Amino acid sequence: MKEIYLAGGCFWGLQAYFDLRKGVKETVVGYANGNMKNPTYEQVCTNTTGFTEAVYIKYDEKEITLSKILEDFWKVIDPTLLNRQGGDIGTQYRTGIYYVNEEDLKIINESFNNEALKHDKTIVTEVMPIKNFYAAEEYHQKYLEKNPNGYCHIDLSL
């Protein structure tokens, strides 16, 4: 199994989207790359913790590649928007790709560069190693499964 962390605005939709992908074995929503331990949602929303809402993705490389995961990721975000996606605004909604294994960086950079060719504006999606990740509160986990009419800026049919 391989792992990647992706941030694409509100984590509810990103989790639901990747849960639909064959080969994705586990997803967890949480807070990535911030400057404190065990943040709460309320703390993250203050824009002072450095955290972004992210989704941990564990996947079977025999069923889905990192390249395909990133291709799907680019379909549901606007990588040129800083600190916002859909109706969500704030530093916790910035976009990012946070890797575990250094060998994934080549694939990530290739995907990033290919995506950059599709835009007139600069891509502001962060690419960096995962420093820390704390699972979000239970009510955030699989939120759109529990609340099918919940807000989501992502088209889950893509």
Protein backbone atom coordinates (compact mmCIF):
# COMPACT_ATOMS: atom_id res chain seq x y z
CA MET A 1 0.00 0.00 0.00
CA LYS A 2 1.08 3.56 -0.75
CA GLU A 3 0.06 6.83 0.85
CA ILE A 4 -0.49 10.43 -0.20
CA TYR A 5 -2.13 13.46 1.43
CA LEU A 6 -4.16 15.87 -0.69
CA ALA A 7 -5.69 19.22 0.18
CA GLY A 8 -8.38 20.61 -2.09
CA GLY A 9 -10.59 22.96 -0.13
CA CYS A 10 -13.22 21.47 2.16
CA PHE A 11 -12.11 17.94 2.95
CA TRP A 12 -15.64 16.46 2.96
CA GLY A 13 -15.96 16.47 -0.81
CA LEU A 14 -12.41 15.38 -1.51
CA GLN A 15 -12.84 12.38 0.77
CA ALA A 16 -16.15 11.39 -0.85
CA TYR A 17 -14.60 11.79 -4.30
CA PHE A 18 -11.61 9.56 -3.59
CA ASP A 19 -13.72 7.01 -1.75
CA LEU A 20 -15.36 6.37 -5.13
CA ARG A 21 -12.02 5.53 -6.80
CA LYS A 22 -11.16 1.88 -7.40
CA GLY A 23 -7.90 1.08 -5.67
CA VAL A 24 -8.32 3.62 -2.88
CA LYS A 25 -8.43 1.50 0.26
CA GLU A 26 -8.72 4.08 3.02
CA THR A 27 -9.31 7.79 3.45
CA VAL A 28 -9.19 9.95 6.57
CA VAL A 29 -9.93 13.67 6.72
CA GLY A 30 -7.72 15.79 8.92
CA TYR A 31 -5.38 18.69 9.33
CA ALA A 32 -1.97 18.74 7.62
CA ASN A 33 1.31 20.59 8.04
CA GLY A 34 0.46 22.97 10.85
CA ASN A 35 2.35 24.35 13.82
CA MET A 36 0.69 22.79 16.87
CA LYS A 37 -0.35 19.39 18.21
CA ASN A 38 -3.87 17.97 18.01
CA PRO A 39 -5.69 20.99 16.59
CA THR A 40 -9.44 21.26 16.70
CA TYR A 41 -11.57 22.35 13.78
CA GLU A 42 -12.27 25.61 15.57
CA GLN A 43 -8.54 26.28 15.98
CA VAL A 44 -7.80 25.47 12.34
CA CYS A 45 -10.52 27.92 11.25
CA THR A 46 -8.70 30.81 12.96
CA ASN A 47 -6.11 30.88 10.13
CA THR A 48 -3.33 30.95 12.75
CA THR A 49 -2.35 27.27 13.01
CA GLY A 50 -0.81 26.77 9.58
CA PHE A 51 -2.97 23.69 8.98
CA THR A 52 -4.86 22.89 5.81
CA GLU A 53 -7.83 20.56 5.55
CA ALA A 54 -6.47 17.45 3.87
CA VAL A 55 -7.33 13.86 3.06
CA TYR A 56 -5.03 10.96 3.84
CA ILE A 57 -5.30 8.41 1.03
CA LYS A 58 -4.04 4.84 1.25
CA TYR A 59 -4.11 3.13 -2.12
CA ASP A 60 -3.12 -0.09 -3.85
CA GLU A 61 -0.64 0.83 -6.56
CA LYS A 62 -1.62 -2.30 -8.50
CA GLU A 63 -5.16 -0.91 -8.86
CA ILE A 64 -4.58 2.85 -9.11
CA THR A 65 -1.36 4.77 -9.70
CA LEU A 66 -0.28 8.00 -8.09
CA SER A 67 -0.40 9.57 -11.56
CA LYS A 68 -4.08 8.65 -11.86
CA ILE A 69 -4.85 9.91 -8.35
CA LEU A 70 -3.24 13.25 -9.21
CA GLU A 71 -5.03 13.39 -12.57
CA ASP A 72 -8.32 12.96 -10.70
CA PHE A 73 -7.26 15.53 -8.09
CA TRP A 74 -6.61 18.23 -10.69
CA LYS A 75 -10.12 17.65 -12.13
CA VAL A 76 -11.86 18.79 -8.94
CA ILE A 77 -9.78 21.76 -7.77
CA ASP A 78 -8.77 25.11 -9.17
CA PRO A 79 -5.02 25.07 -8.50
CA THR A 80 -4.70 28.78 -9.30
CA LEU A 81 -6.81 29.95 -6.34
CA LEU A 82 -4.93 30.85 -3.18
CA ASN A 83 -6.58 29.90 0.11
CA ARG A 84 -9.97 29.10 -1.37
CA GLN A 85 -12.00 26.52 -3.26
CA GLY A 86 -15.69 26.85 -4.07
CA GLY A 87 -17.35 28.97 -1.42
CA ASP A 88 -14.70 28.20 1.20
CA ILE A 89 -12.16 30.91 1.95
CA GLY A 90 -9.23 30.80 4.40
CA THR A 91 -5.74 29.37 4.67
CA GLN A 92 -7.16 26.01 5.75
CA TYR A 93 -8.67 25.70 2.25
CA ARG A 94 -5.42 26.03 0.31
CA THR A 95 -4.55 23.23 -2.09
CA GLY A 96 -1.63 20.90 -1.58
CA ILE A 97 0.03 17.62 -2.36
CA TYR A 98 1.91 16.24 0.62
CA TYR A 99 4.02 13.18 0.00
CA VAL A 100 5.37 10.47 2.28
CA ASN A 101 7.95 8.92 -0.03
CA GLU A 102 10.61 11.03 -1.73
CA GLU A 103 10.43 8.73 -4.79
CA ASP A 104 6.89 10.01 -5.42
CA LEU A 105 8.20 13.53 -5.99
CA LYS A 106 9.16 12.81 -9.62
CA ILE A 107 5.60 11.72 -10.43
CA ILE A 108 4.15 14.66 -8.50
CA ASN A 109 6.38 17.20 -10.27
CA GLU A 110 5.56 15.72 -13.67
CA SER A 111 1.84 15.89 -12.91
CA PHE A 112 2.18 19.45 -11.56
CA ASN A 113 4.08 20.61 -14.64
CA ASN A 114 1.53 19.02 -16.99
CA GLU A 115 -1.29 20.74 -15.11
CA ALA A 116 0.52 24.09 -15.23
CA LEU A 117 0.42 23.96 -19.04
CA LYS A 118 -3.39 24.04 -18.87
CA HIS A 119 -3.59 27.37 -17.03
CA ASP A 120 -2.80 30.98 -17.84
CA LYS A 121 -2.34 31.77 -14.14
CA THR A 122 0.31 30.41 -11.79
CA ILE A 123 -0.53 27.23 -9.92
CA VAL A 124 -0.40 27.87 -6.16
CA THR A 125 -0.90 24.28 -5.03
CA GLU A 126 1.75 23.40 -2.44
CA VAL A 127 4.00 20.41 -2.99
CA MET A 128 5.97 19.31 0.06
CA PRO A 129 6.58 16.40 2.39
CA ILE A 130 3.94 15.72 4.99
CA LYS A 131 5.21 17.13 8.30
CA ASN A 132 2.25 16.21 10.46
CA PHE A 133 -1.35 15.12 10.13
CA TYR A 134 -4.06 14.91 12.75
CA ALA A 135 -7.35 13.18 12.03
CA ALA A 136 -10.30 15.54 12.18
CA GLU A 137 -13.11 15.06 14.66
CA GLU A 138 -15.34 12.03 14.08
CA TYR A 139 -18.27 14.09 12.80
CA HIS A 140 -16.10 15.17 9.83
CA GLN A 141 -15.18 11.59 8.84
CA LYS A 142 -17.25 10.36 5.84
CA TYR A 143 -19.37 13.47 6.36
CA LEU A 144 -21.15 13.32 3.00
CA GLU A 145 -22.02 9.65 3.54
CA LYS A 146 -23.68 10.62 6.82
CA ASN A 147 -25.17 13.83 5.36
CA PRO A 148 -25.94 13.22 1.66
CA ASN A 149 -27.29 16.74 1.21
CA GLY A 150 -24.27 18.34 2.87
CA TYR A 151 -22.32 21.12 1.18
CA CYS A 152 -19.74 20.07 -1.37
CA HIS A 153 -17.93 22.16 -3.96
CA ILE A 154 -16.78 19.02 -5.79
CA ASP A 155 -18.74 17.34 -8.57
CA LEU A 156 -18.67 13.75 -7.33
CA SER A 157 -19.73 12.42 -10.75
CA LEU A 158 -16.35 13.24 -12.34
